[in-house]
Protein backbone atom coordinates (compact mmCIF):
# COMPACT_ATOMS: atom_id res chain seq x y z
CA UNK A 1 90.32 133.71 87.08
CA UNK A 2 89.04 132.16 90.41
CA UNK A 3 90.66 134.99 92.59
CA UNK A 4 88.44 136.64 95.16
CA UNK A 5 86.26 133.78 95.84
CA UNK A 6 85.04 132.74 98.74
CA UNK A 7 83.47 129.48 100.07
CA UNK A 8 82.08 129.86 103.77
CA UNK A 9 84.78 131.61 105.83
CA UNK A 10 87.69 130.37 103.35
CA UNK A 11 88.64 133.09 100.33
CA UNK A 12 90.71 131.87 97.73
CA UNK A 13 93.79 133.41 96.56
CA UNK A 14 94.99 131.87 93.84
CA UNK A 15 95.24 128.37 92.41
CA UNK A 16 98.24 126.34 92.57
CA UNK A 17 97.37 123.10 91.20
CA UNK A 18 95.63 120.88 88.56
CA UNK A 19 94.81 117.32 88.18
CA UNK A 20 92.16 115.21 85.99
CA UNK A 21 89.31 115.84 87.94
CA UNK A 22 89.94 118.82 90.18
CA UNK A 23 91.58 122.05 91.05
CA UNK A 24 93.73 123.08 93.95
CA UNK A 25 93.63 126.68 95.49
CA UNK A 26 95.43 128.64 98.25
CA UNK A 27 92.98 129.54 100.64
CA UNK A 28 93.04 131.99 104.03
CA UNK A 29 90.60 131.51 106.71
CA UNK A 30 89.06 135.05 107.04
CA UNK A 31 88.59 134.34 110.87
CA UNK A 32 91.49 133.09 111.84
CA UNK A 33 93.93 134.09 108.86
CA UNK A 34 95.37 130.58 109.00
CA UNK A 35 96.04 129.41 105.46
CA UNK A 36 94.70 126.38 103.77
CA UNK A 37 94.87 124.37 100.60
CA UNK A 38 91.42 123.47 99.05
CA UNK A 39 91.10 120.70 96.54
CA UNK A 40 87.77 121.09 94.24
CA UNK A 41 86.82 117.83 93.31
CA UNK A 42 84.45 118.12 90.68
CA UNK A 43 81.51 115.14 90.49
CA UNK A 44 81.04 115.01 87.07
CA UNK A 45 84.26 115.48 85.10
CA UNK A 46 84.04 118.16 82.02
CA UNK A 47 83.64 116.53 78.70
CA UNK A 48 84.58 117.53 75.42
CA UNK A 49 87.87 117.97 76.21
CA UNK A 50 90.29 118.22 73.07
CA UNK A 51 94.05 118.16 72.96
CA UNK A 52 93.82 122.20 72.26
CA UNK A 53 91.16 122.43 75.57
CA UNK A 54 92.90 120.80 78.87
CA UNK A 55 90.31 119.45 80.65
CA UNK A 56 91.80 121.59 83.87
CA UNK A 57 90.85 124.25 81.58
CA UNK A 58 87.19 122.67 81.54
CA UNK A 59 87.03 122.56 85.22
CA UNK A 60 88.15 126.34 85.49
CA UNK A 61 85.48 127.46 83.56
CA UNK A 62 82.88 125.45 85.17
CA UNK A 63 83.72 126.71 88.46
CA UNK A 64 84.31 130.17 87.48
CA UNK A 65 80.40 129.92 86.32
CA UNK A 66 79.03 128.10 89.53
CA UNK A 67 81.17 130.96 91.62
CA UNK A 68 79.73 133.77 89.59
CA UNK A 69 76.20 132.80 89.43
CA UNK A 70 76.22 133.03 93.39
CA UNK A 71 78.41 136.13 93.47
CA UNK A 72 81.48 134.63 94.37
CA UNK A 73 80.24 133.55 97.46
CA UNK A 74 79.50 130.07 98.46
CA UNK A 75 78.03 128.56 101.77
CA UNK A 76 78.20 125.01 101.94
CA UNK A 77 77.69 122.68 104.56
CA UNK A 78 80.36 120.64 105.78
CA UNK A 79 80.24 116.90 106.02
CA UNK A 80 80.96 114.97 108.82
CA UNK A 81 84.96 113.08 108.00
CA UNK A 82 83.21 109.54 109.79
CA UNK A 83 80.47 109.18 107.63
CA UNK A 84 82.58 109.77 104.80
CA UNK A 85 85.26 107.04 105.81
CA UNK A 86 82.46 104.88 106.72
CA UNK A 87 81.12 104.35 103.28
CA UNK A 88 80.82 101.02 101.58
CA UNK A 89 82.16 100.29 98.15
CA UNK A 90 78.56 99.73 96.65
CA UNK A 91 78.16 103.37 98.14
CA UNK A 92 81.42 104.56 97.18
CA UNK A 93 80.71 103.32 93.29
CA UNK A 94 77.44 105.45 93.21
CA UNK A 95 79.53 108.51 94.30
CA UNK A 96 83.11 108.13 92.98
CA UNK A 97 84.04 111.74 93.64
CA UNK A 98 84.48 110.13 97.26
CA UNK A 99 86.48 107.42 96.83
CA UNK A 100 89.69 109.53 97.16
CA UNK A 101 88.65 111.21 99.92
CA UNK A 102 87.28 108.30 101.86
CA UNK A 103 90.98 106.75 100.97
CA UNK A 104 93.12 109.73 102.70
CA UNK A 105 90.93 110.04 105.62
CA UNK A 106 91.66 106.16 106.26
CA UNK A 107 95.55 107.48 106.73
CA UNK A 108 95.50 111.33 107.53
CA UNK A 109 96.02 110.39 111.64
CA UNK A 110 99.46 109.59 110.40
CA UNK A 111 101.98 112.79 110.65
CA UNK A 112 103.46 112.83 107.36
CA UNK A 113 100.22 112.27 105.76
CA UNK A 114 98.13 115.87 104.76
CA UNK A 115 95.26 116.58 107.21
CA UNK A 116 91.89 116.81 106.37
CA UNK A 117 90.09 119.46 108.04
CA UNK A 118 86.84 119.65 106.15
CA UNK A 119 84.77 118.31 103.18
CA UNK A 120 82.49 120.75 101.99
CA UNK A 121 79.85 119.83 99.59
CA UNK A 122 77.94 121.33 96.67
CA UNK A 123 76.00 120.22 93.70
CA UNK A 124 79.05 120.92 91.31
CA UNK A 125 81.72 119.33 93.18
CA UNK A 126 83.19 118.58 96.81
CA UNK A 127 85.50 120.93 98.56
CA UNK A 128 88.51 119.21 100.58
CA UNK A 129 89.86 121.71 102.98
CA UNK A 130 93.54 120.55 103.86
CA UNK A 131 96.59 121.94 105.29
CA UNK A 132 98.83 124.28 102.98
CA UNK A 133 102.40 123.55 102.23
CA UNK A 134 104.46 126.04 100.13
CA UNK A 135 106.60 123.53 98.74
CA UNK A 136 106.97 120.11 97.24
CA UNK A 137 109.39 117.55 96.90
CA UNK A 138 109.94 118.18 93.34
CA UNK A 139 110.84 121.37 93.39
CA UNK A 140 113.02 121.28 96.65
CA UNK A 141 115.08 118.82 94.85
CA UNK A 142 115.45 119.82 90.81
CA UNK A 143 115.50 123.49 91.55
CA UNK A 144 116.23 124.25 95.19
CA UNK A 145 118.69 121.32 95.09
CA UNK A 146 118.32 121.36 98.89
CA UNK A 147 119.04 118.02 99.49
CA UNK A 148 122.42 118.11 97.68
CA UNK A 149 124.67 118.83 100.50
CA UNK A 150 122.65 116.99 103.56
CA UNK A 151 122.87 113.66 103.91
CA UNK A 152 120.96 113.07 107.23
CA UNK A 153 118.09 115.31 105.17
CA UNK A 154 117.85 112.76 103.03
CA UNK A 155 117.45 110.25 105.04
CA UNK A 156 115.31 111.99 107.51
CA UNK A 157 112.59 112.50 104.44
CA UNK A 158 113.05 108.68 103.29
CA UNK A 159 112.93 107.23 106.26
CA UNK A 160 109.70 109.42 106.53
CA UNK A 161 108.40 108.27 103.32
CA UNK A 162 109.12 104.37 104.62
CA UNK A 163 107.14 105.03 107.69
CA UNK A 164 104.05 106.44 106.19
CA UNK A 165 103.71 103.98 103.68
CA UNK A 166 104.21 101.54 106.16
CA UNK A 167 100.92 102.98 107.83
CA UNK A 168 99.10 103.09 104.51
CA UNK A 169 99.89 99.55 103.96
CA UNK A 170 99.13 98.30 107.52
CA UNK A 171 95.44 99.89 106.93
CA UNK A 172 94.91 98.02 103.42
CA UNK A 173 95.43 102.02 101.46
CA UNK A 174 97.81 101.54 98.56
CA UNK A 175 98.38 104.93 96.92
CA UNK A 176 99.97 104.09 93.18
CA UNK A 177 100.84 107.04 92.68
CA UNK A 178 104.21 108.23 94.52
CA UNK A 179 106.12 110.70 93.06
CA UNK A 180 108.20 114.00 94.11
CA UNK A 181 104.89 115.94 93.25
CA UNK A 182 102.64 114.54 95.64
CA UNK A 183 105.16 114.85 98.46
CA UNK A 184 104.95 118.40 100.32
CA UNK A 185 107.39 120.00 102.86
CA UNK A 186 106.72 121.68 105.65
CA UNK A 187 109.14 124.35 106.99
CA UNK A 188 111.18 122.12 109.03
CA UNK A 189 111.40 119.59 105.57
CA UNK A 190 109.05 117.08 107.16
CA UNK A 191 107.15 115.07 104.11
CA UNK A 192 103.76 114.89 103.71
CA UNK A 193 102.22 112.95 101.74
CA UNK A 194 99.18 113.86 99.38
CA UNK A 195 96.92 113.56 96.48
CA UNK A 196 95.14 109.82 97.15
CA UNK A 197 93.69 109.69 93.48
CA UNK A 198 94.74 106.74 92.03
CA UNK A 199 95.15 105.09 95.47
CA UNK A 200 93.84 101.61 95.94
CA UNK A 201 92.29 99.06 98.89
CA UNK A 202 93.15 96.04 96.22
CA UNK A 203 95.80 93.68 97.52
CA UNK A 204 96.69 92.62 94.41
CA UNK A 205 96.38 94.39 90.70
CA UNK A 206 96.49 92.59 87.38
CA UNK A 207 99.75 92.59 85.07
CA UNK A 208 99.67 95.62 82.56
CA UNK A 209 97.45 97.78 84.86
CA UNK A 210 98.92 101.09 84.46
CA UNK A 211 98.20 102.92 87.26
CA UNK A 212 100.59 105.88 88.36
CA UNK A 213 103.26 107.87 86.56
CA UNK A 214 105.56 106.80 84.07
CA UNK A 215 108.68 107.69 85.70
CA UNK A 216 107.93 105.86 88.82
CA UNK A 217 105.69 103.21 87.85
CA UNK A 218 106.74 99.71 88.38
CA UNK A 219 107.38 97.41 85.52
CA UNK A 220 104.87 94.91 86.07
CA UNK A 221 102.41 97.37 85.78
CA UNK A 222 103.63 99.14 82.16
CA UNK A 223 104.93 95.91 80.22
CA UNK A 224 105.09 93.27 82.27
CA UNK A 225 107.43 90.24 81.03
CA UNK A 226 106.15 87.04 80.25
CA UNK A 227 108.34 85.06 82.37
CA UNK A 228 106.82 87.49 85.57
CA UNK A 229 102.96 86.99 84.23
CA UNK A 230 103.85 83.05 84.14
CA UNK A 231 105.09 82.99 87.90
CA UNK A 232 102.28 85.91 88.52
CA UNK A 233 99.95 83.11 87.84
CA UNK A 234 101.50 80.05 89.07
CA UNK A 235 98.85 80.32 91.96
CA UNK A 236 96.00 80.26 90.29
CA UNK A 237 93.39 77.56 91.82
CA UNK A 238 91.37 77.82 88.48
CA UNK A 239 90.78 74.45 86.32
CA UNK A 240 93.55 73.76 83.52
CA UNK A 241 90.85 74.21 80.73
CA UNK A 242 89.59 77.30 81.82
CA UNK A 243 90.26 80.86 80.13
CA UNK A 244 93.46 82.52 81.46
CA UNK A 245 93.14 85.00 83.48
CA UNK A 246 95.80 87.96 84.13
CA UNK A 247 98.52 87.45 86.58
CA UNK A 248 97.97 89.45 89.97
CA UNK A 249 100.73 90.95 91.84
CA UNK A 250 101.15 92.44 95.11
CA UNK A 251 100.05 96.29 94.94
CA UNK A 252 102.73 97.32 97.87
CA UNK A 253 105.15 96.45 95.91
CA UNK A 254 104.73 99.01 93.40
CA UNK A 255 105.10 101.83 95.71
CA UNK A 256 108.19 100.01 97.03
CA UNK A 257 109.53 100.37 93.69
CA UNK A 258 108.24 104.00 93.23
CA UNK A 259 110.55 105.00 96.86
CA UNK A 260 113.41 103.21 95.19
CA UNK A 261 113.26 106.02 92.29
CA UNK A 262 113.16 108.89 94.60
CA UNK A 263 115.74 107.50 96.45
CA UNK A 264 117.76 107.81 93.27
CA UNK A 265 116.11 111.59 93.02
CA UNK A 266 117.15 112.86 96.27
CA UNK A 267 120.73 111.19 96.09
CA UNK A 268 121.35 112.01 92.26
CA UNK A 269 118.92 114.92 91.29
CA UNK A 270 117.70 112.65 88.50
CA UNK A 271 115.88 109.81 87.09
CA UNK A 272 117.43 106.69 85.97
CA UNK A 273 115.20 106.01 82.91
CA UNK A 274 111.89 107.73 81.28
CA UNK A 275 110.20 104.38 82.22
CA UNK A 276 110.88 101.06 83.05
CA UNK A 277 109.82 99.40 79.71
CA UNK A 278 112.58 97.30 78.68
CA UNK A 279 111.45 97.79 74.73
CA UNK A 280 110.39 101.45 74.60
CA UNK A 281 113.21 102.58 77.17
CA UNK A 282 116.94 101.68 76.19
CA UNK A 283 118.60 102.72 79.49
CA UNK A 284 115.96 100.40 81.58
CA UNK A 285 116.75 97.50 78.76
CA UNK A 286 120.45 98.08 79.51
CA UNK A 287 119.78 97.72 83.47
CA UNK A 288 117.54 94.86 83.13
CA UNK A 289 120.48 93.00 81.38
CA UNK A 290 123.50 94.45 83.50
CA UNK A 291 122.32 96.08 86.64
CA UNK A 292 125.62 97.48 86.89
CA UNK A 293 124.98 99.80 84.15
CA UNK A 294 123.74 102.24 87.03
CA UNK A 295 127.39 102.99 87.96
CA UNK A 296 127.85 104.43 84.18
CA UNK A 297 124.82 106.75 84.43
CA UNK A 298 124.72 107.65 88.14
CA UNK A 299 127.52 108.67 90.74
CA UNK A 300 125.91 106.13 93.32
CA UNK A 301 128.23 104.46 95.76
CA UNK A 302 128.46 100.61 96.70
CA UNK A 303 126.33 101.04 99.26
CA UNK A 304 123.34 102.51 97.98
CA UNK A 305 123.80 100.45 94.42
CA UNK A 306 123.29 97.23 97.02
CA UNK A 307 120.02 98.82 98.75
CA UNK A 308 118.74 99.93 95.01
CA UNK A 309 119.33 96.00 94.21
CA UNK A 310 117.10 94.82 96.76
CA UNK A 311 114.41 97.59 95.77
CA UNK A 312 114.27 97.33 91.96
CA UNK A 313 113.94 93.89 91.65
CA UNK A 314 112.06 92.71 88.45
CA UNK A 315 109.76 90.75 90.60
CA UNK A 316 107.59 92.06 92.75
CA UNK A 317 107.53 89.57 95.23
CA UNK A 318 111.59 89.64 95.69
CA UNK A 319 111.39 93.46 96.67
CA UNK A 320 112.87 94.34 99.56
CA UNK A 321 109.97 95.16 102.84
CA UNK A 322 109.88 98.78 103.70
CA UNK A 323 110.97 98.37 107.48
CA UNK A 324 114.45 96.76 105.99
CA UNK A 325 115.00 99.42 103.46
CA UNK A 326 114.34 102.07 106.37
CA UNK A 327 116.81 100.61 108.28
CA UNK A 328 119.46 99.92 106.07
CA UNK A 329 119.20 103.91 104.69
CA UNK A 330 119.62 104.58 108.36
CA UNK A 331 122.66 102.82 108.58
CA UNK A 332 123.85 104.00 104.95
CA UNK A 333 127.67 105.76 105.58
CA UNK A 334 127.99 106.80 101.63
CA UNK A 335 125.49 107.51 98.97
CA UNK A 336 127.86 108.69 96.48
CA UNK A 337 131.26 108.32 94.81
CA UNK A 338 132.34 112.40 95.50
CA UNK A 339 130.85 115.57 96.95
CA UNK A 340 128.94 116.17 100.32
CA UNK A 341 126.89 113.03 100.09
CA UNK A 342 129.81 110.34 99.46
CA UNK A 343 130.41 110.38 103.75
CA UNK A 344 127.36 110.38 105.74
CA UNK A 345 126.89 109.65 109.26
CA UNK A 346 124.84 106.59 110.59
CA UNK A 347 121.53 107.44 112.32
CA UNK A 348 121.16 106.93 116.58
CA UNK A 349 118.17 105.28 117.60
CA UNK A 350 117.62 108.97 118.82
CA UNK A 351 117.51 110.56 115.45
CA UNK A 352 115.60 107.79 113.77
CA UNK A 353 112.90 108.54 116.50
CA UNK A 354 112.93 112.14 116.11
CA UNK A 355 112.77 111.83 112.18
CA UNK A 356 109.49 109.31 112.50
CA UNK A 357 107.32 110.93 114.92
CA UNK A 358 108.13 114.46 114.11
CA UNK A 359 106.87 117.51 115.21
CA UNK A 360 103.01 117.13 114.97
CA UNK A 361 103.09 113.51 115.95
CA UNK A 362 105.02 114.34 119.12
CA UNK A 363 102.36 116.76 120.15
CA UNK A 364 99.40 114.50 119.71
CA UNK A 365 101.26 111.65 121.56
CA UNK A 366 101.80 114.10 124.29
CA UNK A 367 98.13 115.40 124.38
CA UNK A 368 97.43 111.34 124.57
CA UNK A 369 99.80 110.66 127.69
CA UNK A 370 98.55 113.79 129.63
CA UNK A 371 94.74 113.50 128.70
CA UNK A 372 92.62 113.29 131.69
CA UNK A 373 88.67 113.08 132.09
CA UNK A 374 86.83 115.57 134.10
CA UNK A 375 86.46 113.45 136.76
CA UNK A 376 90.25 112.70 137.29
CA UNK A 377 92.44 115.13 139.06
CA UNK A 378 95.25 116.97 137.08
CA UNK A 379 98.89 115.63 138.26
CA UNK A 380 101.65 117.84 136.37
CA UNK A 381 104.63 115.74 135.07
CA UNK A 382 107.97 117.82 134.21
CA UNK A 383 109.33 116.71 131.46
CA UNK A 384 112.33 114.81 133.48
CA UNK A 385 109.74 112.78 135.21
CA UNK A 386 107.61 112.34 132.18
CA UNK A 387 108.56 108.31 131.36
CA UNK A 388 106.45 108.48 127.99
CA UNK A 389 108.43 105.92 126.05
CA UNK A 390 107.73 103.91 122.86
CA UNK A 391 109.35 100.81 122.26
CA UNK A 392 108.67 101.05 118.29
CA UNK A 393 107.54 103.09 115.54
CA UNK A 394 104.29 101.15 115.11
CA UNK A 395 103.05 100.90 118.62
CA UNK A 396 103.46 105.19 118.81
CA UNK A 397 101.41 105.29 115.45
CA UNK A 398 99.08 102.87 116.71
CA UNK A 399 98.35 105.45 119.42
CA UNK A 400 98.16 108.17 116.89
CA UNK A 401 95.84 106.85 114.29
CA UNK A 402 93.19 105.74 117.34
CA UNK A 403 92.37 109.01 117.76
CA UNK A 404 91.06 111.83 114.69
CA UNK A 405 91.33 115.48 115.44
CA UNK A 406 88.81 118.29 114.82
CA UNK A 407 89.17 121.23 112.25
CA UNK A 408 90.98 123.49 115.10
CA UNK A 409 93.46 120.28 115.63
CA UNK A 410 92.20 119.42 119.29
CA UNK A 411 91.55 115.31 120.35
CA UNK A 412 88.03 114.40 119.42
CA UNK A 413 87.45 112.72 122.86
CA UNK A 414 84.62 110.55 121.15
CA UNK A 415 87.03 108.96 118.94
CA UNK A 416 89.34 107.88 121.93
CA UNK A 417 86.77 106.01 123.35
CA UNK A 418 86.29 103.41 120.80
CA UNK A 419 86.71 99.86 121.46
CA UNK A 420 88.86 97.76 120.83
CA UNK A 421 88.41 94.09 118.34
CA UNK A 422 92.26 92.23 118.47
CA UNK A 423 94.93 94.71 117.01
CA UNK A 424 92.14 96.88 115.33
CA UNK A 425 89.95 99.96 116.46
CA UNK A 426 86.39 99.07 116.24
CA UNK A 427 83.20 101.94 116.55
CA UNK A 428 80.81 100.34 118.46
CA UNK A 429 77.91 99.64 116.58
CA UNK A 430 75.31 102.44 117.67
CA UNK A 431 78.04 104.58 116.09
CA UNK A 432 78.62 103.09 112.53
CA UNK A 433 77.72 105.71 110.17
CA UNK A 434 75.37 104.69 106.83
CA UNK A 435 75.34 107.76 105.25
CA UNK A 436 76.35 111.11 104.73
CA UNK A 437 75.71 113.66 107.76
CA UNK A 438 76.36 117.39 108.83
CA UNK A 439 79.42 117.71 110.73
CA UNK A 440 77.82 120.00 113.29
CA UNK A 441 81.21 121.02 114.78
CA UNK A 442 81.82 123.48 111.57
CA UNK A 443 78.42 124.48 110.73
CA UNK A 444 77.93 127.95 109.85
CA UNK A 445 74.64 130.13 109.73
CA UNK A 446 75.14 130.34 106.03
CA UNK A 447 75.71 126.39 105.56
CA UNK A 448 73.00 125.28 108.47
CA UNK A 449 69.82 125.94 105.74
CA UNK A 450 71.09 123.34 103.22
CA UNK A 451 68.20 120.44 103.12
CA UNK A 452 69.53 119.14 100.03
CA UNK A 453 72.31 117.17 101.88
CA UNK A 454 72.89 113.81 99.47
CA UNK A 455 72.43 110.16 101.06
CA UNK A 456 74.76 107.22 99.12
């Protein structure tokens, strides 16, 4: 329906995805011929959808008539990314369609998060211009069976997922919808996390919050056992006579559970259960009573079983930390009882570093290492003389996440001059943005005359 439409210099070719509140399109920059994915986040979700008429169809219709009213060409202003990232909770309440974008911008400096290049604003929808990837993890696992014969590839993707979730959690962002469909793969099989539509800043969620996708949702979010609810509420400081409140559980533990199910996907090409509900899913009910049932339904090795037992713990507080999970998977020598994954080589420290940095992160790191001001003489450093070394992944990403890139991929020098407060990078007070502003670096002849830019 929406073909041969154009937004600024981006020509929409076809729709490649849809969700409850947005549509995703493949687009090409008519100037550079680079490919992008453009997600349309509708401000006022369509009402009136029925089982016969899907919400995505309603969104398509809205966008179709919107483009048609402008002869299929929109000229929209670009919003400064820092102004979105700086929106307060109160402002996001008034403009909820910016919440997903703000969450992704908090963490998109990580090499394994899909980069947001531009945010274009219109009265109907907000358009995110992001990197385009031709395949997702689900297609690669199920349709292509891309991981069935390579233990190294399984480890590479899984270690990158552990790394990016550590990065998100360290910055207070909890994804809450980790699944193969939300993980994209580039040409070198590097994983890139996307779709932060359900993400939250809340460190704890109440029992039975039901946030996520059923296959990958942790049990405390679907049907939390009463014993767990009692333990979750044990730390409450309320008076004994006060009305009882729902038990709270760490949000990050839900992401860890989802990652455990993905590990089963990567090694066994199937899901262990339909949902982690003891009463409504017989397989999960058997698993709760006797975890060794996994040996009967999955071709897993003893090593993988031991790892899964520390991830898929019923009590969220008992689940293993991501750093431990990452190292155990890297050291694992057998994923399955037979086939190519029955014998896999442990990763060396060099391989772990290469998998975690990726080519995208390496290029940024090298730019930072060789960066010099115009007043400083440039000194060429050969690869043999280059002593750049990071003692830990956290230190590497601390430097990577301290800068932002422009839509062309270059380093934003202004961002590198941020002042530091403790371990957190803090913008000088004069740079704090209280409202949305135009991104003058990407302004066009067509968008420069817009005077209606909203202030939230």
